[in-house]
Amino acid sequence: MPRYLVERTFPDGLRIPVDGEGAAACSGVVATNARNGVTWVHSYVSEDARTTYCIYDGPDAEAIRESAASNNLPIDRITPVRVLDPYFYH
């Protein structure tokens, strides 16, 4: 399955509460993504919470875009990536 780095900007900052409400919000994103064959692997959030760098697996960039639109999430850039594991060389 192809992997993508998805960059997003949240001008007011991304705020996901660390409680049941936040868990439900994340579960909703996961469920919506699944309809397009997309898996949210994990995300990195900048210190000011205005930028996220999200790792997704999916069939193609268009499926990532469709999932984002369904989840009302912005996309600045989608970049196909591959894993470079430094421990592979040992």
N, C-alpha and C. Protein backbone atom coordinates (compact mmCIF):
# COMPACT_ATOMS: atom_id res chain seq x y z
N MET A 1 0.86 -1.18 0.00
CA MET A 1 0.00 0.00 0.00
C MET A 1 0.90 1.23 0.00
N PRO A 2 0.68 2.18 -0.89
CA PRO A 2 1.46 3.41 -0.89
C PRO A 2 1.29 4.21 0.41
N ARG A 3 2.34 4.93 0.77
CA ARG A 3 2.35 5.76 1.98
C ARG A 3 2.52 7.21 1.58
N TYR A 4 1.88 8.10 2.33
CA TYR A 4 1.90 9.54 2.03
C TYR A 4 2.14 10.35 3.28
N LEU A 5 2.83 11.48 3.10
CA LEU A 5 2.96 12.50 4.14
C LEU A 5 1.98 13.61 3.76
N VAL A 6 1.06 13.90 4.67
CA VAL A 6 0.04 14.91 4.42
C VAL A 6 0.30 16.09 5.35
N GLU A 7 0.55 17.24 4.77
CA GLU A 7 0.79 18.46 5.55
C GLU A 7 -0.49 19.28 5.60
N ARG A 8 -0.81 19.76 6.81
CA ARG A 8 -2.03 20.55 7.01
C ARG A 8 -1.71 21.78 7.84
N THR A 9 -2.43 22.87 7.57
CA THR A 9 -2.33 24.07 8.38
C THR A 9 -3.68 24.34 9.04
N PHE A 10 -3.64 24.59 10.34
CA PHE A 10 -4.82 24.97 11.12
C PHE A 10 -4.55 26.36 11.68
N PRO A 11 -5.03 27.41 11.01
CA PRO A 11 -4.70 28.79 11.42
C PRO A 11 -4.98 29.09 12.89
N ASP A 12 -6.03 28.50 13.44
CA ASP A 12 -6.37 28.72 14.84
C ASP A 12 -5.82 27.63 15.75
N GLY A 13 -5.07 26.70 15.21
CA GLY A 13 -4.51 25.60 15.98
C GLY A 13 -5.46 24.41 16.00
N LEU A 14 -4.89 23.24 16.04
CA LEU A 14 -5.66 22.00 16.14
C LEU A 14 -5.89 21.70 17.61
N ARG A 15 -7.12 21.57 17.98
CA ARG A 15 -7.47 21.29 19.37
C ARG A 15 -8.31 20.03 19.44
N ILE A 16 -7.72 18.95 19.91
CA ILE A 16 -8.44 17.70 20.13
C ILE A 16 -8.35 17.42 21.62
N PRO A 17 -9.47 17.45 22.32
CA PRO A 17 -9.41 17.22 23.76
C PRO A 17 -8.93 15.80 24.08
N VAL A 18 -8.21 15.68 25.17
CA VAL A 18 -7.71 14.38 25.60
C VAL A 18 -8.75 13.77 26.55
N ASP A 19 -9.86 13.35 25.95
CA ASP A 19 -10.96 12.76 26.71
C ASP A 19 -11.82 11.95 25.73
N GLY A 20 -12.98 11.53 26.17
CA GLY A 20 -13.86 10.74 25.33
C GLY A 20 -14.28 11.45 24.07
N GLU A 21 -14.47 12.75 24.16
CA GLU A 21 -14.86 13.54 22.98
C GLU A 21 -13.75 13.50 21.93
N GLY A 22 -12.51 13.66 22.36
CA GLY A 22 -11.38 13.60 21.44
C GLY A 22 -11.22 12.22 20.83
N ALA A 23 -11.41 11.19 21.68
CA ALA A 23 -11.33 9.82 21.18
C ALA A 23 -12.39 9.56 20.13
N ALA A 24 -13.60 10.05 20.38
CA ALA A 24 -14.69 9.86 19.42
C ALA A 24 -14.39 10.59 18.12
N ALA A 25 -13.82 11.78 18.21
CA ALA A 25 -13.48 12.54 17.00
C ALA A 25 -12.46 11.77 16.16
N CYS A 26 -11.44 11.23 16.81
CA CYS A 26 -10.42 10.47 16.08
C CYS A 26 -11.00 9.19 15.49
N SER A 27 -11.86 8.50 16.25
CA SER A 27 -12.50 7.29 15.74
C SER A 27 -13.36 7.59 14.52
N GLY A 28 -14.02 8.74 14.53
CA GLY A 28 -14.83 9.14 13.39
C GLY A 28 -13.99 9.35 12.15
N VAL A 29 -12.82 9.96 12.31
CA VAL A 29 -11.91 10.16 11.18
C VAL A 29 -11.46 8.81 10.63
N VAL A 30 -11.10 7.90 11.53
CA VAL A 30 -10.64 6.57 11.12
C VAL A 30 -11.73 5.85 10.33
N ALA A 31 -12.96 5.91 10.83
CA ALA A 31 -14.08 5.23 10.16
C ALA A 31 -14.35 5.83 8.77
N THR A 32 -14.32 7.14 8.68
CA THR A 32 -14.54 7.81 7.38
C THR A 32 -13.43 7.45 6.41
N ASN A 33 -12.19 7.44 6.87
CA ASN A 33 -11.06 7.08 6.02
C ASN A 33 -11.21 5.67 5.45
N ALA A 34 -11.69 4.76 6.28
CA ALA A 34 -11.80 3.35 5.88
C ALA A 34 -12.70 3.19 4.66
N ARG A 35 -13.67 4.05 4.50
CA ARG A 35 -14.56 3.95 3.34
C ARG A 35 -13.81 4.15 2.02
N ASN A 36 -12.68 4.86 2.09
CA ASN A 36 -11.86 5.09 0.90
C ASN A 36 -10.61 4.22 0.88
N GLY A 37 -10.51 3.25 1.80
CA GLY A 37 -9.33 2.40 1.84
C GLY A 37 -8.11 3.11 2.38
N VAL A 38 -8.33 4.16 3.20
CA VAL A 38 -7.25 5.00 3.72
C VAL A 38 -7.04 4.69 5.21
N THR A 39 -5.79 4.60 5.62
CA THR A 39 -5.44 4.36 7.02
C THR A 39 -4.58 5.51 7.54
N TRP A 40 -5.01 6.13 8.63
CA TRP A 40 -4.23 7.17 9.32
C TRP A 40 -3.26 6.43 10.22
N VAL A 41 -1.98 6.53 9.94
CA VAL A 41 -0.96 5.81 10.70
C VAL A 41 -0.62 6.57 11.98
N HIS A 42 -0.21 7.82 11.84
CA HIS A 42 0.03 8.71 12.98
C HIS A 42 0.32 10.11 12.46
N SER A 43 0.38 11.06 13.40
CA SER A 43 0.63 12.46 13.04
C SER A 43 1.63 13.09 13.98
N TYR A 44 2.30 14.10 13.47
CA TYR A 44 3.16 14.96 14.26
C TYR A 44 2.51 16.34 14.25
N VAL A 45 2.48 16.97 15.40
CA VAL A 45 1.84 18.27 15.55
C VAL A 45 2.90 19.28 16.01
N SER A 46 2.96 20.42 15.32
CA SER A 46 3.92 21.46 15.71
C SER A 46 3.59 21.98 17.11
N GLU A 47 4.57 22.57 17.75
CA GLU A 47 4.40 23.04 19.12
C GLU A 47 3.25 24.02 19.27
N ASP A 48 3.03 24.86 18.25
CA ASP A 48 1.93 25.82 18.32
C ASP A 48 0.60 25.23 17.84
N ALA A 49 0.59 23.96 17.47
CA ALA A 49 -0.60 23.21 17.04
C ALA A 49 -1.22 23.76 15.75
N ARG A 50 -0.46 24.52 14.98
CA ARG A 50 -0.99 25.08 13.74
C ARG A 50 -0.65 24.25 12.50
N THR A 51 0.32 23.36 12.62
CA THR A 51 0.73 22.54 11.49
C THR A 51 0.79 21.09 11.92
N THR A 52 0.25 20.21 11.06
CA THR A 52 0.39 18.78 11.31
C THR A 52 1.05 18.13 10.11
N TYR A 53 1.78 17.07 10.40
CA TYR A 53 2.43 16.23 9.40
C TYR A 53 1.92 14.82 9.67
N CYS A 54 1.06 14.34 8.80
CA CYS A 54 0.35 13.09 9.04
C CYS A 54 0.81 12.01 8.07
N ILE A 55 1.00 10.82 8.58
CA ILE A 55 1.37 9.68 7.76
C ILE A 55 0.11 8.87 7.49
N TYR A 56 -0.14 8.62 6.20
CA TYR A 56 -1.31 7.87 5.76
C TYR A 56 -0.89 6.78 4.80
N ASP A 57 -1.59 5.66 4.86
CA ASP A 57 -1.50 4.65 3.82
C ASP A 57 -2.81 4.70 3.05
N GLY A 58 -2.72 4.56 1.74
CA GLY A 58 -3.93 4.60 0.92
C GLY A 58 -3.63 4.21 -0.50
N PRO A 59 -4.68 3.92 -1.26
CA PRO A 59 -4.48 3.47 -2.64
C PRO A 59 -3.87 4.54 -3.55
N ASP A 60 -4.21 5.82 -3.29
CA ASP A 60 -3.65 6.91 -4.10
C ASP A 60 -3.94 8.24 -3.40
N ALA A 61 -3.33 9.29 -3.91
CA ALA A 61 -3.49 10.62 -3.30
C ALA A 61 -4.94 11.10 -3.37
N GLU A 62 -5.66 10.72 -4.40
CA GLU A 62 -7.06 11.15 -4.52
C GLU A 62 -7.91 10.57 -3.40
N ALA A 63 -7.65 9.34 -3.01
CA ALA A 63 -8.39 8.73 -1.88
C ALA A 63 -8.10 9.50 -0.59
N ILE A 64 -6.86 9.96 -0.43
CA ILE A 64 -6.50 10.77 0.74
C ILE A 64 -7.29 12.08 0.70
N ARG A 65 -7.34 12.72 -0.47
CA ARG A 65 -8.08 13.98 -0.61
C ARG A 65 -9.57 13.80 -0.33
N GLU A 66 -10.15 12.73 -0.85
CA GLU A 66 -11.57 12.47 -0.62
C GLU A 66 -11.86 12.26 0.87
N SER A 67 -10.99 11.51 1.53
CA SER A 67 -11.18 11.29 2.97
C SER A 67 -11.06 12.60 3.74
N ALA A 68 -10.08 13.42 3.39
CA ALA A 68 -9.91 14.70 4.07
C ALA A 68 -11.15 15.57 3.89
N ALA A 69 -11.67 15.62 2.69
CA ALA A 69 -12.86 16.43 2.43
C ALA A 69 -14.04 15.92 3.25
N SER A 70 -14.21 14.60 3.31
CA SER A 70 -15.30 14.02 4.09
C SER A 70 -15.16 14.30 5.58
N ASN A 71 -13.90 14.44 6.04
CA ASN A 71 -13.63 14.72 7.45
C ASN A 71 -13.49 16.22 7.74
N ASN A 72 -13.73 17.05 6.72
CA ASN A 72 -13.58 18.51 6.86
C ASN A 72 -12.19 18.90 7.35
N LEU A 73 -11.18 18.23 6.79
CA LEU A 73 -9.79 18.52 7.15
C LEU A 73 -9.08 19.17 5.97
N PRO A 74 -8.26 20.19 6.24
CA PRO A 74 -7.52 20.84 5.16
C PRO A 74 -6.35 19.98 4.70
N ILE A 75 -5.90 20.24 3.49
CA ILE A 75 -4.66 19.63 2.97
C ILE A 75 -3.87 20.73 2.28
N ASP A 76 -2.62 20.89 2.71
CA ASP A 76 -1.71 21.80 2.03
C ASP A 76 -0.91 21.07 0.96
N ARG A 77 -0.47 19.86 1.32
CA ARG A 77 0.39 19.11 0.40
C ARG A 77 0.30 17.63 0.73
N ILE A 78 0.35 16.81 -0.32
CA ILE A 78 0.44 15.36 -0.17
C ILE A 78 1.71 14.92 -0.90
N THR A 79 2.58 14.22 -0.19
CA THR A 79 3.83 13.76 -0.77
C THR A 79 3.95 12.25 -0.62
N PRO A 80 4.09 11.51 -1.71
CA PRO A 80 4.35 10.07 -1.58
C PRO A 80 5.70 9.88 -0.91
N VAL A 81 5.77 8.97 0.06
CA VAL A 81 7.02 8.72 0.78
C VAL A 81 7.25 7.22 0.93
N ARG A 82 8.49 6.88 1.26
CA ARG A 82 8.86 5.51 1.61
C ARG A 82 9.60 5.55 2.94
N VAL A 83 9.58 4.44 3.64
CA VAL A 83 10.25 4.36 4.94
C VAL A 83 11.74 4.14 4.73
N LEU A 84 12.54 4.91 5.45
CA LEU A 84 13.98 4.69 5.52
C LEU A 84 14.27 4.31 6.97
N ASP A 85 14.62 3.07 7.18
CA ASP A 85 14.87 2.57 8.53
C ASP A 85 16.38 2.48 8.74
N PRO A 86 16.95 3.30 9.64
CA PRO A 86 18.40 3.28 9.82
C PRO A 86 18.90 1.96 10.38
N TYR A 87 18.04 1.18 10.99
CA TYR A 87 18.45 -0.10 11.57
C TYR A 87 18.53 -1.20 10.53
N PHE A 88 18.00 -0.93 9.34
CA PHE A 88 18.09 -1.88 8.24
C PHE A 88 19.54 -2.16 7.90
N TYR A 89 20.43 -1.18 8.09
CA TYR A 89 21.82 -1.29 7.66
C TYR A 89 22.70 -1.99 8.68
N HIS A 90 22.16 -2.41 9.80
CA HIS A 90 22.97 -3.08 10.83
C HIS A 90 22.94 -4.57 10.67
